[in-house]
Amino acid sequence: MTDDQRAVYSATIAVRNIDVNLRWSISQIFFLINSAGFSLVVTRLTPGSKTHSLACFGGFALSIIWWLIARRMQNLINFWNSKLGYMEEADG
């Protein structure tokens, strides 16, 4: 592996690791928001009220968005893993 190829390989690993860390950070933020919203719905809002229904719908919508973002981030991580695999096969 030449120095240029090694630099590209190292940069690709760095980008993949940044995406992994970003995925975990985003998941922690969504978990925190959904946990706070769930505790609000359970402890403060009366069941059947409009505010209760709106908060539940908001939590459901955030969960769907969370799932879509996590899926997209996993596809991006898989893309970088495939590029790394291709570089390793070409070298070896």
PDB file of N, CA and C in Angstrom:
ATOM      1  N   MET A   1       0.855  -1.172   0.000  1.00  0.00           N
ATOM      2  CA  MET A   1       0.000   0.000   0.000  1.00  0.00           C
ATOM      3  C   MET A   1       0.905   1.240   0.000  1.00  0.00           C
ATOM      4  N   THR A   2       0.642   2.126  -0.926  1.00  0.00           N
ATOM      5  CA  THR A   2       1.451   3.344  -0.998  1.00  0.00           C
ATOM      6  C   THR A   2       1.035   4.321   0.097  1.00  0.00           C
ATOM      7  N   ASP A   3       1.810   5.356   0.252  1.00  0.00           N
ATOM      8  CA  ASP A   3       1.489   6.358   1.272  1.00  0.00           C
ATOM      9  C   ASP A   3       0.174   7.069   0.966  1.00  0.00           C
ATOM     10  N   ASP A   4      -0.092   7.335  -0.299  1.00  0.00           N
ATOM     11  CA  ASP A   4      -1.359   7.972  -0.670  1.00  0.00           C
ATOM     12  C   ASP A   4      -2.543   7.058  -0.373  1.00  0.00           C
ATOM     13  N   GLN A   5      -2.414   5.784  -0.698  1.00  0.00           N
ATOM     14  CA  GLN A   5      -3.488   4.828  -0.418  1.00  0.00           C
ATOM     15  C   GLN A   5      -3.696   4.684   1.082  1.00  0.00           C
ATOM     16  N   ARG A   6      -2.615   4.672   1.835  1.00  0.00           N
ATOM     17  CA  ARG A   6      -2.717   4.572   3.286  1.00  0.00           C
ATOM     18  C   ARG A   6      -3.419   5.810   3.867  1.00  0.00           C
ATOM     19  N   ALA A   7      -3.132   6.989   3.296  1.00  0.00           N
ATOM     20  CA  ALA A   7      -3.785   8.216   3.748  1.00  0.00           C
ATOM     21  C   ALA A   7      -5.288   8.182   3.451  1.00  0.00           C
ATOM     22  N   VAL A   8      -5.655   7.706   2.253  1.00  0.00           N
ATOM     23  CA  VAL A   8      -7.072   7.595   1.892  1.00  0.00           C
ATOM     24  C   VAL A   8      -7.765   6.581   2.801  1.00  0.00           C
ATOM     25  N   TYR A   9      -7.113   5.468   3.072  1.00  0.00           N
ATOM     26  CA  TYR A   9      -7.672   4.440   3.945  1.00  0.00           C
ATOM     27  C   TYR A   9      -7.887   4.992   5.357  1.00  0.00           C
ATOM     28  N   SER A  10      -6.904   5.708   5.887  1.00  0.00           N
ATOM     29  CA  SER A  10      -7.018   6.298   7.224  1.00  0.00           C
ATOM     30  C   SER A  10      -8.133   7.338   7.278  1.00  0.00           C
ATOM     31  N   ALA A  11      -8.246   8.148   6.220  1.00  0.00           N
ATOM     32  CA  ALA A  11      -9.308   9.152   6.180  1.00  0.00           C
ATOM     33  C   ALA A  11     -10.684   8.493   6.118  1.00  0.00           C
ATOM     34  N   THR A  12     -10.792   7.409   5.368  1.00  0.00           N
ATOM     35  CA  THR A  12     -12.069   6.694   5.272  1.00  0.00           C
ATOM     36  C   THR A  12     -12.454   6.094   6.619  1.00  0.00           C
ATOM     37  N   ILE A  13     -11.486   5.558   7.340  1.00  0.00           N
ATOM     38  CA  ILE A  13     -11.755   5.037   8.688  1.00  0.00           C
ATOM     39  C   ILE A  13     -12.213   6.159   9.604  1.00  0.00           C
ATOM     40  N   ALA A  14     -11.563   7.310   9.514  1.00  0.00           N
ATOM     41  CA  ALA A  14     -11.937   8.446  10.359  1.00  0.00           C
ATOM     42  C   ALA A  14     -13.365   8.906  10.077  1.00  0.00           C
ATOM     43  N   VAL A  15     -13.733   8.982   8.799  1.00  0.00           N
ATOM     44  CA  VAL A  15     -15.096   9.400   8.433  1.00  0.00           C
ATOM     45  C   VAL A  15     -16.114   8.385   8.937  1.00  0.00           C
ATOM     46  N   ARG A  16     -15.819   7.104   8.777  1.00  0.00           N
ATOM     47  CA  ARG A  16     -16.736   6.070   9.271  1.00  0.00           C
ATOM     48  C   ARG A  16     -16.901   6.155  10.780  1.00  0.00           C
ATOM     49  N   ASN A  17     -15.808   6.377  11.497  1.00  0.00           N
ATOM     50  CA  ASN A  17     -15.889   6.487  12.955  1.00  0.00           C
ATOM     51  C   ASN A  17     -16.663   7.725  13.393  1.00  0.00           C
ATOM     52  N   ILE A  18     -16.518   8.816  12.651  1.00  0.00           N
ATOM     53  CA  ILE A  18     -17.308  10.018  12.952  1.00  0.00           C
ATOM     54  C   ILE A  18     -18.789   9.731  12.765  1.00  0.00           C
ATOM     55  N   ASP A  19     -19.146   9.009  11.698  1.00  0.00           N
ATOM     56  CA  ASP A  19     -20.551   8.667  11.465  1.00  0.00           C
ATOM     57  C   ASP A  19     -21.098   7.758  12.560  1.00  0.00           C
ATOM     58  N   VAL A  20     -20.286   6.827  13.041  1.00  0.00           N
ATOM     59  CA  VAL A  20     -20.727   5.950  14.140  1.00  0.00           C
ATOM     60  C   VAL A  20     -20.976   6.775  15.399  1.00  0.00           C
ATOM     61  N   ASN A  21     -20.055   7.660  15.722  1.00  0.00           N
ATOM     62  CA  ASN A  21     -20.234   8.507  16.906  1.00  0.00           C
ATOM     63  C   ASN A  21     -21.434   9.438  16.761  1.00  0.00           C
ATOM     64  N   LEU A  22     -21.638   9.962  15.552  1.00  0.00           N
ATOM     65  CA  LEU A  22     -22.785  10.822  15.300  1.00  0.00           C
ATOM     66  C   LEU A  22     -24.096  10.059  15.459  1.00  0.00           C
ATOM     67  N   ARG A  23     -24.127   8.825  14.976  1.00  0.00           N
ATOM     68  CA  ARG A  23     -25.337   8.008  15.124  1.00  0.00           C
ATOM     69  C   ARG A  23     -25.679   7.800  16.593  1.00  0.00           C
ATOM     70  N   TRP A  24     -24.670   7.496  17.411  1.00  0.00           N
ATOM     71  CA  TRP A  24     -24.923   7.291  18.835  1.00  0.00           C
ATOM     72  C   TRP A  24     -25.355   8.582  19.521  1.00  0.00           C
ATOM     73  N   SER A  25     -24.769   9.700  19.145  1.00  0.00           N
ATOM     74  CA  SER A  25     -25.155  10.990  19.733  1.00  0.00           C
ATOM     75  C   SER A  25     -26.594  11.337  19.392  1.00  0.00           C
ATOM     76  N   ILE A  26     -26.968  11.133  18.136  1.00  0.00           N
ATOM     77  CA  ILE A  26     -28.346  11.405  17.720  1.00  0.00           C
ATOM     78  C   ILE A  26     -29.314  10.494  18.463  1.00  0.00           C
ATOM     79  N   SER A  27     -28.965   9.236  18.623  1.00  0.00           N
ATOM     80  CA  SER A  27     -29.835   8.307  19.342  1.00  0.00           C
ATOM     81  C   SER A  27     -29.994   8.717  20.800  1.00  0.00           C
ATOM     82  N   GLN A  28     -28.927   9.182  21.417  1.00  0.00           N
ATOM     83  CA  GLN A  28     -29.018   9.632  22.810  1.00  0.00           C
ATOM     84  C   GLN A  28     -29.914  10.852  22.938  1.00  0.00           C
ATOM     85  N   ILE A  29     -29.824  11.773  21.985  1.00  0.00           N
ATOM     86  CA  ILE A  29     -30.672  12.966  22.028  1.00  0.00           C
ATOM     87  C   ILE A  29     -32.139  12.587  21.864  1.00  0.00           C
ATOM     88  N   PHE A  30     -32.451  11.747  20.882  1.00  0.00           N
ATOM     89  CA  PHE A  30     -33.833  11.322  20.690  1.00  0.00           C
ATOM     90  C   PHE A  30     -34.342  10.535  21.894  1.00  0.00           C
ATOM     91  N   PHE A  31     -33.496   9.704  22.495  1.00  0.00           N
ATOM     92  CA  PHE A  31     -33.910   8.958  23.680  1.00  0.00           C
ATOM     93  C   PHE A  31     -34.239   9.910  24.825  1.00  0.00           C
ATOM     94  N   LEU A  32     -33.419  10.920  25.005  1.00  0.00           N
ATOM     95  CA  LEU A  32     -33.656  11.894  26.066  1.00  0.00           C
ATOM     96  C   LEU A  32     -34.960  12.649  25.845  1.00  0.00           C
ATOM     97  N   ILE A  33     -35.193  13.101  24.614  1.00  0.00           N
ATOM     98  CA  ILE A  33     -36.427  13.830  24.301  1.00  0.00           C
ATOM     99  C   ILE A  33     -37.649  12.935  24.500  1.00  0.00           C
ATOM    100  N   ASN A  34     -37.597  11.703  23.988  1.00  0.00           N
ATOM    101  CA  ASN A  34     -38.740  10.795  24.134  1.00  0.00           C
ATOM    102  C   ASN A  34     -38.959  10.403  25.589  1.00  0.00           C
ATOM    103  N   SER A  35     -37.897  10.216  26.352  1.00  0.00           N
ATOM    104  CA  SER A  35     -38.045   9.873  27.771  1.00  0.00           C
ATOM    105  C   SER A  35     -38.691  11.012  28.546  1.00  0.00           C
ATOM    106  N   ALA A  36     -38.248  12.240  28.259  1.00  0.00           N
ATOM    107  CA  ALA A  36     -38.841  13.395  28.940  1.00  0.00           C
ATOM    108  C   ALA A  36     -40.311  13.547  28.548  1.00  0.00           C
ATOM    109  N   GLY A  37     -40.603  13.372  27.280  1.00  0.00           N
ATOM    110  CA  GLY A  37     -41.989  13.460  26.833  1.00  0.00           C
ATOM    111  C   GLY A  37     -42.859  12.369  27.426  1.00  0.00           C
ATOM    112  N   PHE A  38     -42.330  11.159  27.525  1.00  0.00           N
ATOM    113  CA  PHE A  38     -43.087  10.053  28.107  1.00  0.00           C
ATOM    114  C   PHE A  38     -43.377  10.313  29.582  1.00  0.00           C
ATOM    115  N   SER A  39     -42.376  10.802  30.312  1.00  0.00           N
ATOM    116  CA  SER A  39     -42.612  11.080  31.735  1.00  0.00           C
ATOM    117  C   SER A  39     -43.622  12.209  31.903  1.00  0.00           C
ATOM    118  N   LEU A  40     -43.609  13.191  30.998  1.00  0.00           N
ATOM    119  CA  LEU A  40     -44.607  14.256  31.050  1.00  0.00           C
ATOM    120  C   LEU A  40     -46.002  13.697  30.814  1.00  0.00           C
ATOM    121  N   VAL A  41     -46.149  12.838  29.825  1.00  0.00           N
ATOM    122  CA  VAL A  41     -47.455  12.268  29.503  1.00  0.00           C
ATOM    123  C   VAL A  41     -47.982  11.421  30.656  1.00  0.00           C
ATOM    124  N   VAL A  42     -47.100  10.647  31.272  1.00  0.00           N
ATOM    125  CA  VAL A  42     -47.535   9.735  32.333  1.00  0.00           C
ATOM    126  C   VAL A  42     -47.853  10.474  33.632  1.00  0.00           C
ATOM    127  N   THR A  43     -47.060  11.479  33.976  1.00  0.00           N
ATOM    128  CA  THR A  43     -47.208  12.078  35.302  1.00  0.00           C
ATOM    129  C   THR A  43     -48.042  13.350  35.332  1.00  0.00           C
ATOM    130  N   ARG A  44     -48.028  14.170  34.294  1.00  0.00           N
ATOM    131  CA  ARG A  44     -48.640  15.495  34.379  1.00  0.00           C
ATOM    132  C   ARG A  44     -49.937  15.668  33.599  1.00  0.00           C
ATOM    133  N   LEU A  45     -50.085  14.973  32.509  1.00  0.00           N
ATOM    134  CA  LEU A  45     -51.240  15.204  31.652  1.00  0.00           C
ATOM    135  C   LEU A  45     -52.354  14.217  31.951  1.00  0.00           C
ATOM    136  N   THR A  46     -53.584  14.712  31.905  1.00  0.00           N
ATOM    137  CA  THR A  46     -54.728  13.835  32.159  1.00  0.00           C
ATOM    138  C   THR A  46     -55.062  13.067  30.885  1.00  0.00           C
ATOM    139  N   PRO A  47     -55.266  11.767  31.028  1.00  0.00           N
ATOM    140  CA  PRO A  47     -55.585  10.948  29.851  1.00  0.00           C
ATOM    141  C   PRO A  47     -56.878  11.422  29.191  1.00  0.00           C
ATOM    142  N   GLY A  48     -56.865  11.447  27.878  1.00  0.00           N
ATOM    143  CA  GLY A  48     -58.045  11.827  27.116  1.00  0.00           C
ATOM    144  C   GLY A  48     -58.100  13.301  26.760  1.00  0.00           C
ATOM    145  N   SER A  49     -57.243  14.119  27.327  1.00  0.00           N
ATOM    146  CA  SER A  49     -57.264  15.545  26.994  1.00  0.00           C
ATOM    147  C   SER A  49     -56.568  15.775  25.650  1.00  0.00           C
ATOM    148  N   LYS A  50     -56.805  16.945  25.091  1.00  0.00           N
ATOM    149  CA  LYS A  50     -56.177  17.264  23.803  1.00  0.00           C
ATOM    150  C   LYS A  50     -54.657  17.356  23.944  1.00  0.00           C
ATOM    151  N   THR A  51     -54.186  17.896  25.042  1.00  0.00           N
ATOM    152  CA  THR A  51     -52.748  18.016  25.263  1.00  0.00           C
ATOM    153  C   THR A  51     -52.107  16.637  25.381  1.00  0.00           C
ATOM    154  N   HIS A  52     -52.795  15.732  26.043  1.00  0.00           N
ATOM    155  CA  HIS A  52     -52.300  14.365  26.190  1.00  0.00           C
ATOM    156  C   HIS A  52     -52.198  13.701  24.815  1.00  0.00           C
ATOM    157  N   SER A  53     -53.241  13.837  24.015  1.00  0.00           N
ATOM    158  CA  SER A  53     -53.236  13.234  22.678  1.00  0.00           C
ATOM    159  C   SER A  53     -52.155  13.851  21.792  1.00  0.00           C
ATOM    160  N   LEU A  54     -51.986  15.162  21.879  1.00  0.00           N
ATOM    161  CA  LEU A  54     -50.968  15.843  21.089  1.00  0.00           C
ATOM    162  C   LEU A  54     -49.569  15.403  21.507  1.00  0.00           C
ATOM    163  N   ALA A  55     -49.340  15.269  22.803  1.00  0.00           N
ATOM    164  CA  ALA A  55     -48.031  14.827  23.289  1.00  0.00           C
ATOM    165  C   ALA A  55     -47.752  13.387  22.849  1.00  0.00           C
ATOM    166  N   CYS A  56     -48.747  12.527  22.889  1.00  0.00           N
ATOM    167  CA  CYS A  56     -48.569  11.143  22.444  1.00  0.00           C
ATOM    168  C   CYS A  56     -48.285  11.076  20.945  1.00  0.00           C
ATOM    169  N   PHE A  57     -48.999  11.865  20.167  1.00  0.00           N
ATOM    170  CA  PHE A  57     -48.754  11.901  18.729  1.00  0.00           C
ATOM    171  C   PHE A  57     -47.352  12.437  18.435  1.00  0.00           C
ATOM    172  N   GLY A  58     -46.941  13.466  19.168  1.00  0.00           N
ATOM    173  CA  GLY A  58     -45.592  14.015  18.998  1.00  0.00           C
ATOM    174  C   GLY A  58     -44.519  12.988  19.311  1.00  0.00           C
ATOM    175  N   GLY A  59     -44.724  12.209  20.368  1.00  0.00           N
ATOM    176  CA  GLY A  59     -43.778  11.149  20.705  1.00  0.00           C
ATOM    177  C   GLY A  59     -43.717  10.083  19.633  1.00  0.00           C
ATOM    178  N   PHE A  60     -44.872   9.744  19.082  1.00  0.00           N
ATOM    179  CA  PHE A  60     -44.903   8.754  18.004  1.00  0.00           C
ATOM    180  C   PHE A  60     -44.172   9.277  16.768  1.00  0.00           C
ATOM    181  N   ALA A  61     -44.421  10.541  16.420  1.00  0.00           N
ATOM    182  CA  ALA A  61     -43.766  11.141  15.258  1.00  0.00           C
ATOM    183  C   ALA A  61     -42.250  11.205  15.465  1.00  0.00           C
ATOM    184  N   LEU A  62     -41.807  11.582  16.657  1.00  0.00           N
ATOM    185  CA  LEU A  62     -40.372  11.623  16.941  1.00  0.00           C
ATOM    186  C   LEU A  62     -39.753  10.234  16.864  1.00  0.00           C
ATOM    187  N   SER A  63     -40.489   9.224  17.301  1.00  0.00           N
ATOM    188  CA  SER A  63     -39.972   7.858  17.212  1.00  0.00           C
ATOM    189  C   SER A  63     -39.792   7.421  15.769  1.00  0.00           C
ATOM    190  N   ILE A  64     -40.716   7.778  14.902  1.00  0.00           N
ATOM    191  CA  ILE A  64     -40.603   7.451  13.482  1.00  0.00           C
ATOM    192  C   ILE A  64     -39.406   8.179  12.863  1.00  0.00           C
ATOM    193  N   ILE A  65     -39.255   9.458  13.190  1.00  0.00           N
ATOM    194  CA  ILE A  65     -38.118  10.232  12.681  1.00  0.00           C
ATOM    195  C   ILE A  65     -36.814   9.628  13.180  1.00  0.00           C
ATOM    196  N   TRP A  66     -36.775   9.254  14.445  1.00  0.00           N
ATOM    197  CA  TRP A  66     -35.590   8.627  15.042  1.00  0.00           C
ATOM    198  C   TRP A  66     -35.230   7.355  14.273  1.00  0.00           C
ATOM    199  N   TRP A  67     -36.231   6.526  14.004  1.00  0.00           N
ATOM    200  CA  TRP A  67     -35.997   5.273  13.289  1.00  0.00           C
ATOM    201  C   TRP A  67     -35.463   5.533  11.884  1.00  0.00           C
ATOM    202  N   LEU A  68     -36.046   6.513  11.189  1.00  0.00           N
ATOM    203  CA  LEU A  68     -35.595   6.825   9.831  1.00  0.00           C
ATOM    204  C   LEU A  68     -34.155   7.341   9.822  1.00  0.00           C
ATOM    205  N   ILE A  69     -33.816   8.196  10.772  1.00  0.00           N
ATOM    206  CA  ILE A  69     -32.451   8.713  10.850  1.00  0.00           C
ATOM    207  C   ILE A  69     -31.475   7.591  11.184  1.00  0.00           C
ATOM    208  N   ALA A  70     -31.840   6.733  12.120  1.00  0.00           N
ATOM    209  CA  ALA A  70     -30.952   5.615  12.490  1.00  0.00           C
ATOM    210  C   ALA A  70     -30.741   4.680  11.300  1.00  0.00           C
ATOM    211  N   ARG A  71     -31.787   4.440  10.545  1.00  0.00           N
ATOM    212  CA  ARG A  71     -31.675   3.589   9.358  1.00  0.00           C
ATOM    213  C   ARG A  71     -30.774   4.224   8.304  1.00  0.00           C
ATOM    214  N   ARG A  72     -30.934   5.522   8.085  1.00  0.00           N
ATOM    215  CA  ARG A  72     -30.102   6.230   7.111  1.00  0.00           C
ATOM    216  C   ARG A  72     -28.636   6.239   7.556  1.00  0.00           C
ATOM    217  N   MET A  73     -28.397   6.458   8.834  1.00  0.00           N
ATOM    218  CA  MET A  73     -27.025   6.468   9.343  1.00  0.00           C
ATOM    219  C   MET A  73     -26.398   5.080   9.216  1.00  0.00           C
ATOM    220  N   GLN A  74     -27.166   4.030   9.456  1.00  0.00           N
ATOM    221  CA  GLN A  74     -26.630   2.676   9.317  1.00  0.00           C
ATOM    222  C   GLN A  74     -26.281   2.381   7.855  1.00  0.00           C
ATOM    223  N   ASN A  75     -27.107   2.855   6.930  1.00  0.00           N
ATOM    224  CA  ASN A  75     -26.778   2.690   5.504  1.00  0.00           C
ATOM    225  C   ASN A  75     -25.490   3.419   5.151  1.00  0.00           C
ATOM    226  N   LEU A  76     -25.295   4.591   5.717  1.00  0.00           N
ATOM    227  CA  LEU A  76     -24.071   5.350   5.461  1.00  0.00           C
ATOM    228  C   LEU A  76     -22.849   4.632   6.044  1.00  0.00           C
ATOM    229  N   ILE A  77     -22.987   4.078   7.232  1.00  0.00           N
ATOM    230  CA  ILE A  77     -21.893   3.324   7.852  1.00  0.00           C
ATOM    231  C   ILE A  77     -21.588   2.074   7.031  1.00  0.00           C
ATOM    232  N   ASN A  78     -22.619   1.403   6.542  1.00  0.00           N
ATOM    233  CA  ASN A  78     -22.405   0.235   5.682  1.00  0.00           C
ATOM    234  C   ASN A  78     -21.694   0.616   4.391  1.00  0.00           C
ATOM    235  N   PHE A  79     -22.004   1.803   3.854  1.00  0.00           N
ATOM    236  CA  PHE A  79     -21.320   2.291   2.655  1.00  0.00           C
ATOM    237  C   PHE A  79     -19.825   2.440   2.916  1.00  0.00           C
ATOM    238  N   TRP A  80     -19.468   3.083   4.033  1.00  0.00           N
ATOM    239  CA  TRP A  80     -18.046   3.267   4.344  1.00  0.00           C
ATOM    240  C   TRP A  80     -17.373   1.933   4.617  1.00  0.00           C
ATOM    241  N   ASN A  81     -18.082   1.004   5.266  1.00  0.00           N
ATOM    242  CA  ASN A  81     -17.506  -0.324   5.501  1.00  0.00           C
ATOM    243  C   ASN A  81     -17.236  -1.053   4.186  1.00  0.00           C
ATOM    244  N   SER A  82     -18.142  -0.901   3.212  1.00  0.00           N
ATOM    245  CA  SER A  82     -17.925  -1.553   1.915  1.00  0.00           C
ATOM    246  C   SER A  82     -16.739  -0.921   1.193  1.00  0.00           C
ATOM    247  N   LYS A  83     -16.592   0.390   1.297  1.00  0.00           N
ATOM    248  CA  LYS A  83     -15.437   1.053   0.680  1.00  0.00           C
ATOM    249  C   LYS A  83     -14.138   0.586   1.329  1.00  0.00           C
ATOM    250  N   LEU A  84     -14.154   0.439   2.651  1.00  0.00           N
ATOM    251  CA  LEU A  84     -12.959  -0.065   3.342  1.00  0.00           C
ATOM    252  C   LEU A  84     -12.652  -1.497   2.917  1.00  0.00           C
ATOM    253  N   GLY A  85     -13.681  -2.318   2.778  1.00  0.00           N
ATOM    254  CA  GLY A  85     -13.487  -3.686   2.327  1.00  0.00           C
ATOM    255  C   GLY A  85     -12.910  -3.740   0.922  1.00  0.00           C
ATOM    256  N   TYR A  86     -13.392  -2.852   0.061  1.00  0.00           N
ATOM    257  CA  TYR A  86     -12.850  -2.805  -1.298  1.00  0.00           C
ATOM    258  C   TYR A  86     -11.378  -2.410  -1.291  1.00  0.00           C
ATOM    259  N   MET A  87     -11.012  -1.445  -0.456  1.00  0.00           N
ATOM    260  CA  MET A  87      -9.622  -1.023  -0.373  1.00  0.00           C
ATOM    261  C   MET A  87      -8.738  -2.136   0.160  1.00  0.00           C
ATOM    262  N   GLU A  88      -9.260  -2.903   1.125  1.00  0.00           N
ATOM    263  CA  GLU A  88      -8.478  -4.011   1.680  1.00  0.00           C
ATOM    264  C   GLU A  88      -8.289  -5.132   0.662  1.00  0.00           C
ATOM    265  N   GLU A  89      -9.341  -5.417  -0.129  1.00  0.00           N
ATOM    266  CA  GLU A  89      -9.227  -6.449  -1.162  1.00  0.00           C
ATOM    267  C   GLU A  89      -8.255  -6.030  -2.254  1.00  0.00           C
ATOM    268  N   ALA A  90      -8.285  -4.752  -2.629  1.00  0.00           N
ATOM    269  CA  ALA A  90      -7.407  -4.264  -3.683  1.00  0.00           C
ATOM    270  C   ALA A  90      -5.946  -4.304  -3.232  1.00  0.00           C
ATOM    271  N   ASP A  91      -5.724  -4.158  -1.940  1.00  0.00           N
ATOM    272  CA  ASP A  91      -4.363  -4.158  -1.423  1.00  0.00           C
ATOM    273  C   ASP A  91      -3.809  -5.582  -1.276  1.00  0.00           C
ATOM    274  N   GLY A  92      -4.692  -6.501  -0.892  1.00  0.00           N
ATOM    275  CA  GLY A  92      -4.211  -7.797  -0.500  1.00  0.00           C
ATOM    276  C   GLY A  92      -4.244  -8.874  -1.468  1.00  0.00           C
TER     277      GLY A  92
END
